[in-house]
C-alpha atoms as a PDB file:
ATOM      1  CA  MET A   1     161.626 122.975   6.482  1.00  0.00           C
ATOM      2  CA  SER A   2     159.973 119.392   8.044  1.00  0.00           C
ATOM      3  CA  LEU A   3     161.832 115.672   8.184  1.00  0.00           C
ATOM      4  CA  ILE A   4     158.858 114.957   5.942  1.00  0.00           C
ATOM      5  CA  ASP A   5     159.724 117.536   3.215  1.00  0.00           C
ATOM      6  CA  ASP A   6     163.472 116.067   3.334  1.00  0.00           C
ATOM      7  CA  LEU A   7     162.592 112.961   2.812  1.00  0.00           C
ATOM      8  CA  LYS A   8     160.055 113.765  -0.509  1.00  0.00           C
ATOM      9  CA  ASN A   9     162.611 116.364  -1.771  1.00  0.00           C
ATOM     10  CA  ALA A  10     165.710 113.791  -1.187  1.00  0.00           C
ATOM     11  CA  GLN A  11     163.337 111.403  -3.275  1.00  0.00           C
ATOM     12  CA  LYS A  12     163.335 113.593  -6.098  1.00  0.00           C
ATOM     13  CA  ASP A  13     166.804 113.963  -5.910  1.00  0.00           C
ATOM     14  CA  ALA A  14     167.328 110.406  -6.401  1.00  0.00           C
ATOM     15  CA  MET A  15     164.724 110.054  -9.241  1.00  0.00           C
ATOM     16  CA  ARG A  16     166.783 112.450 -11.189  1.00  0.00           C
ATOM     17  CA  ALA A  17     170.226 110.949 -10.416  1.00  0.00           C
ATOM     18  CA  LYS A  18     169.041 107.699 -11.114  1.00  0.00           C
ATOM     19  CA  ASP A  19     170.093 106.415  -7.716  1.00  0.00           C
ATOM     20  CA  LYS A  20     168.042 103.045  -7.070  1.00  0.00           C
ATOM     21  CA  LEU A  21     169.569 102.293  -3.655  1.00  0.00           C
ATOM     22  CA  ARG A  22     169.077 105.748  -2.340  1.00  0.00           C
ATOM     23  CA  LEU A  23     165.928 105.786  -4.220  1.00  0.00           C
ATOM     24  CA  GLY A  24     164.792 102.304  -2.493  1.00  0.00           C
ATOM     25  CA  THR A  25     165.406 103.243   0.693  1.00  0.00           C
ATOM     26  CA  ILE A  26     163.880 106.578   1.027  1.00  0.00           C
ATOM     27  CA  ARG A  27     160.662 104.826  -0.187  1.00  0.00           C
ATOM     28  CA  MET A  28     160.936 102.603   1.982  1.00  0.00           C
ATOM     29  CA  ALA A  29     161.138 104.964   4.504  1.00  0.00           C
ATOM     30  CA  LEU A  30     158.283 106.986   3.749  1.00  0.00           C
ATOM     31  CA  ALA A  31     156.497 103.998   3.604  1.00  0.00           C
ATOM     32  CA  ALA A  32     156.670 103.311   7.027  1.00  0.00           C
ATOM     33  CA  ILE A  33     155.901 106.417   7.615  1.00  0.00           C
ATOM     34  CA  LYS A  34     152.853 106.650   5.745  1.00  0.00           C
ATOM     35  CA  GLN A  35     151.664 103.351   6.946  1.00  0.00           C
ATOM     36  CA  ARG A  36     152.138 104.502  10.489  1.00  0.00           C
ATOM     37  CA  GLU A  37     150.092 107.510   9.700  1.00  0.00           C
ATOM     38  CA  ILE A  38     147.400 105.415   8.223  1.00  0.00           C
ATOM     39  CA  ASP A  39     147.253 102.771  10.826  1.00  0.00           C
ATOM     40  CA  GLU A  40     146.623 105.484  14.097  1.00  0.00           C
ATOM     41  CA  ARG A  41     145.054 108.521  11.781  1.00  0.00           C
ATOM     42  CA  ILE A  42     147.328 110.899  12.631  1.00  0.00           C
ATOM     43  CA  GLU A  43     149.906 113.186  11.183  1.00  0.00           C
ATOM     44  CA  LEU A  44     153.255 112.220  12.144  1.00  0.00           C
ATOM     45  CA  GLU A  45     155.568 115.114  13.763  1.00  0.00           C
ATOM     46  CA  ASP A  46     159.630 115.367  13.427  1.00  0.00           C
ATOM     47  CA  ALA A  47     159.634 113.369  16.544  1.00  0.00           C
ATOM     48  CA  ASP A  48     158.254 110.689  15.469  1.00  0.00           C
ATOM     49  CA  ILE A  49     159.426 110.103  12.263  1.00  0.00           C
ATOM     50  CA  LEU A  50     163.335 110.464  14.094  1.00  0.00           C
ATOM     51  CA  GLY A  51     162.015 107.448  15.878  1.00  0.00           C
ATOM     52  CA  ILE A  52     160.694 105.811  12.726  1.00  0.00           C
ATOM     53  CA  ILE A  53     164.202 106.133  11.035  1.00  0.00           C
ATOM     54  CA  THR A  54     166.005 105.291  13.998  1.00  0.00           C
ATOM     55  CA  LYS A  55     164.127 102.245  14.377  1.00  0.00           C
ATOM     56  CA  MET A  56     164.967 101.377  10.094  1.00  0.00           C
ATOM     57  CA  VAL A  57     168.578 101.535  11.319  1.00  0.00           C
ATOM     58  CA  LYS A  58     168.492  99.366  14.252  1.00  0.00           C
ATOM     59  CA  GLN A  59     166.706  96.528  12.042  1.00  0.00           C
ATOM     60  CA  ARG A  60     169.153  97.126   9.416  1.00  0.00           C
ATOM     61  CA  VAL A  61     172.408  96.659  11.768  1.00  0.00           C
ATOM     62  CA  ASP A  62     170.639  93.644  13.461  1.00  0.00           C
ATOM     63  CA  ALA A  63     170.512  92.241  10.049  1.00  0.00           C
ATOM     64  CA  ALA A  64     173.515  92.665   8.515  1.00  0.00           C
ATOM     65  CA  GLY A  65     174.933  90.948  11.354  1.00  0.00           C
ATOM     66  CA  GLN A  66     172.790  88.482  10.514  1.00  0.00           C
ATOM     67  CA  PHE A  67     173.728  88.081   7.059  1.00  0.00           C
ATOM     68  CA  GLU A  68     177.365  88.165   7.953  1.00  0.00           C
ATOM     69  CA  ASP A  69     176.950  85.285  10.652  1.00  0.00           C
ATOM     70  CA  ALA A  70     175.161  83.217   7.663  1.00  0.00           C
ATOM     71  CA  GLY A  71     177.565  84.045   5.294  1.00  0.00           C
ATOM     72  CA  ARG A  72     175.647  86.296   3.180  1.00  0.00           C
ATOM     73  CA  GLN A  73     178.323  89.203   2.724  1.00  0.00           C
ATOM     74  CA  GLU A  74     176.624  91.254  -0.610  1.00  0.00           C
ATOM     75  CA  LEU A  75     173.355  90.769   1.501  1.00  0.00           C
ATOM     76  CA  ALA A  76     175.056  92.421   4.508  1.00  0.00           C
ATOM     77  CA  ASP A  77     176.778  95.495   2.657  1.00  0.00           C
ATOM     78  CA  GLN A  78     173.362  96.257   1.090  1.00  0.00           C
ATOM     79  CA  GLU A  79     172.060  96.740   4.441  1.00  0.00           C
ATOM     80  CA  ARG A  80     174.916  98.774   5.544  1.00  0.00           C
ATOM     81  CA  ALA A  81     174.733 100.877   2.464  1.00  0.00           C
ATOM     82  CA  GLU A  82     171.006 101.735   3.451  1.00  0.00           C
ATOM     83  CA  ILE A  83     172.111 102.396   7.020  1.00  0.00           C
ATOM     84  CA  VAL A  84     174.298 104.882   5.916  1.00  0.00           C
ATOM     85  CA  ILE A  85     171.328 106.612   3.586  1.00  0.00           C
ATOM     86  CA  LEU A  86     168.955 106.389   6.656  1.00  0.00           C
ATOM     87  CA  GLN A  87     171.644 108.222   8.432  1.00  0.00           C
ATOM     88  CA  ASP A  88     171.704 111.630   6.247  1.00  0.00           C
ATOM     89  CA  PHE A  89     168.429 112.009   7.998  1.00  0.00           C
ATOM     90  CA  LEU A  90     169.270 111.313  11.690  1.00  0.00           C
ATOM     91  CA  PRO A  91     170.736 114.542  13.833  1.00  0.00           C
ATOM     92  CA  LYS A  92     174.462 114.168  14.197  1.00  0.00           C
ATOM     93  CA  ALA A  93     175.127 111.573  17.166  1.00  0.00           C
ATOM     94  CA  LEU A  94     175.954 113.043  20.564  1.00  0.00           C
ATOM     95  CA  SER A  95     179.493 112.930  22.023  1.00  0.00           C
ATOM     96  CA  ALA A  96     180.161 111.308  25.152  1.00  0.00           C
ATOM     97  CA  SER A  97     180.935 114.519  27.005  1.00  0.00           C
ATOM     98  CA  GLU A  98     177.736 115.535  25.793  1.00  0.00           C
ATOM     99  CA  LEU A  99     175.715 113.062  27.026  1.00  0.00           C
ATOM    100  CA  ASP A 100     177.423 113.016  30.147  1.00  0.00           C
ATOM    101  CA  ALA A 101     176.414 116.942  30.591  1.00  0.00           C
ATOM    102  CA  LEU A 102     172.749 115.824  30.154  1.00  0.00           C
ATOM    103  CA  ILE A 103     172.562 113.243  32.171  1.00  0.00           C
ATOM    104  CA  GLU A 104     173.675 115.546  34.938  1.00  0.00           C
ATOM    105  CA  GLN A 105     171.594 117.982  33.744  1.00  0.00           C
ATOM    106  CA  ALA A 106     168.534 115.370  33.815  1.00  0.00           C
ATOM    107  CA  LEU A 107     168.912 114.161  37.118  1.00  0.00           C
ATOM    108  CA  THR A 108     169.436 117.602  39.098  1.00  0.00           C
ATOM    109  CA  GLU A 109     165.949 118.683  37.118  1.00  0.00           C
ATOM    110  CA  THR A 110     163.808 115.547  38.068  1.00  0.00           C
ATOM    111  CA  GLY A 111     165.734 115.387  41.439  1.00  0.00           C
ATOM    112  CA  ALA A 112     166.284 111.641  40.886  1.00  0.00           C
ATOM    113  CA  SER A 113     167.723 110.374  44.124  1.00  0.00           C
ATOM    114  CA  GLY A 114     168.174 106.238  43.597  1.00  0.00           C
ATOM    115  CA  MET A 115     166.577 103.641  41.226  1.00  0.00           C
ATOM    116  CA  GLN A 116     162.978 103.913  41.495  1.00  0.00           C
ATOM    117  CA  ASP A 117     163.675 107.236  39.875  1.00  0.00           C
ATOM    118  CA  MET A 118     164.830 105.815  36.390  1.00  0.00           C
ATOM    119  CA  GLY A 119     161.296 106.612  34.772  1.00  0.00           C
ATOM    120  CA  LYS A 120     161.324 110.239  35.560  1.00  0.00           C
ATOM    121  CA  VAL A 121     164.830 110.702  34.233  1.00  0.00           C
ATOM    122  CA  MET A 122     164.458 108.604  30.772  1.00  0.00           C
ATOM    123  CA  GLY A 123     161.387 110.703  30.389  1.00  0.00           C
ATOM    124  CA  TRP A 124     163.145 113.960  30.631  1.00  0.00           C
ATOM    125  CA  LEU A 125     166.132 112.703  28.215  1.00  0.00           C
ATOM    126  CA  LYS A 126     164.546 110.670  25.612  1.00  0.00           C
ATOM    127  CA  PRO A 127     162.919 113.592  23.585  1.00  0.00           C
ATOM    128  CA  LYS A 128     166.250 115.223  24.167  1.00  0.00           C
ATOM    129  CA  VAL A 129     168.464 112.862  22.873  1.00  0.00           C
ATOM    130  CA  GLN A 130     165.853 110.653  20.125  1.00  0.00           C
ATOM    131  CA  GLY A 131     167.841 110.153  17.090  1.00  0.00           C
ATOM    132  CA  ARG A 132     170.880 111.410  18.643  1.00  0.00           C
ATOM    133  CA  ALA A 133     172.365 108.587  20.884  1.00  0.00           C
ATOM    134  CA  ASP A 134     171.284 104.821  21.765  1.00  0.00           C
ATOM    135  CA  MET A 135     168.949 104.546  24.498  1.00  0.00           C
ATOM    136  CA  GLY A 136     170.137 101.051  25.366  1.00  0.00           C
ATOM    137  CA  PRO A 137     174.120 102.140  26.747  1.00  0.00           C
ATOM    138  CA  LEU A 138     172.027 105.967  27.965  1.00  0.00           C
ATOM    139  CA  SER A 139     169.645 103.558  30.089  1.00  0.00           C
ATOM    140  CA  GLY A 140     172.945 101.868  31.505  1.00  0.00           C
ATOM    141  CA  GLN A 141     174.800 105.250  32.345  1.00  0.00           C
ATOM    142  CA  ILE A 142     172.293 106.285  34.334  1.00  0.00           C
ATOM    143  CA  LYS A 143     171.919 103.241  36.099  1.00  0.00           C
ATOM    144  CA  ALA A 144     175.344 103.442  36.998  1.00  0.00           C
ATOM    145  CA  LYS A 145     175.045 106.920  37.835  1.00  0.00           C
ATOM    146  CA  LEU A 146     171.619 106.011  40.234  1.00  0.00           C
ATOM    147  CA  SER A 147     173.115 103.183  41.799  1.00  0.00           C
ATOM    148  CA  ALA A 148     176.150 105.438  42.646  1.00  0.00           C
END
């Protein structure tokens, strides 16, 4: 079953359960997916949908931090609740040891020897870790290994 089907089934379940927060969050994700499909005139695949959901999670993390800084705890709590719902549709996060193993494999398979090969390594890793690891810290780990 594809990720879009999972989202649509979860939407139906949320409607039946009268779970307004879950329903609203899933509708928001489906709307973002549909918007991108319409804008680009394509049908998105699971990898693209994972990218959209990952971006939505990051946006909510940022918003929650800003709401807390502004003293709006109730809004920060709502953002965090939406994060939990969205994370239900993302694959399980990779552990540090799994990431290290993937980085080593990427370095070996791409033949990376220095910082000039950073793009090759990131290109090799991105499809394997999308939705399962934050690319920012991952990039820092790769830079550390390439510069060593």
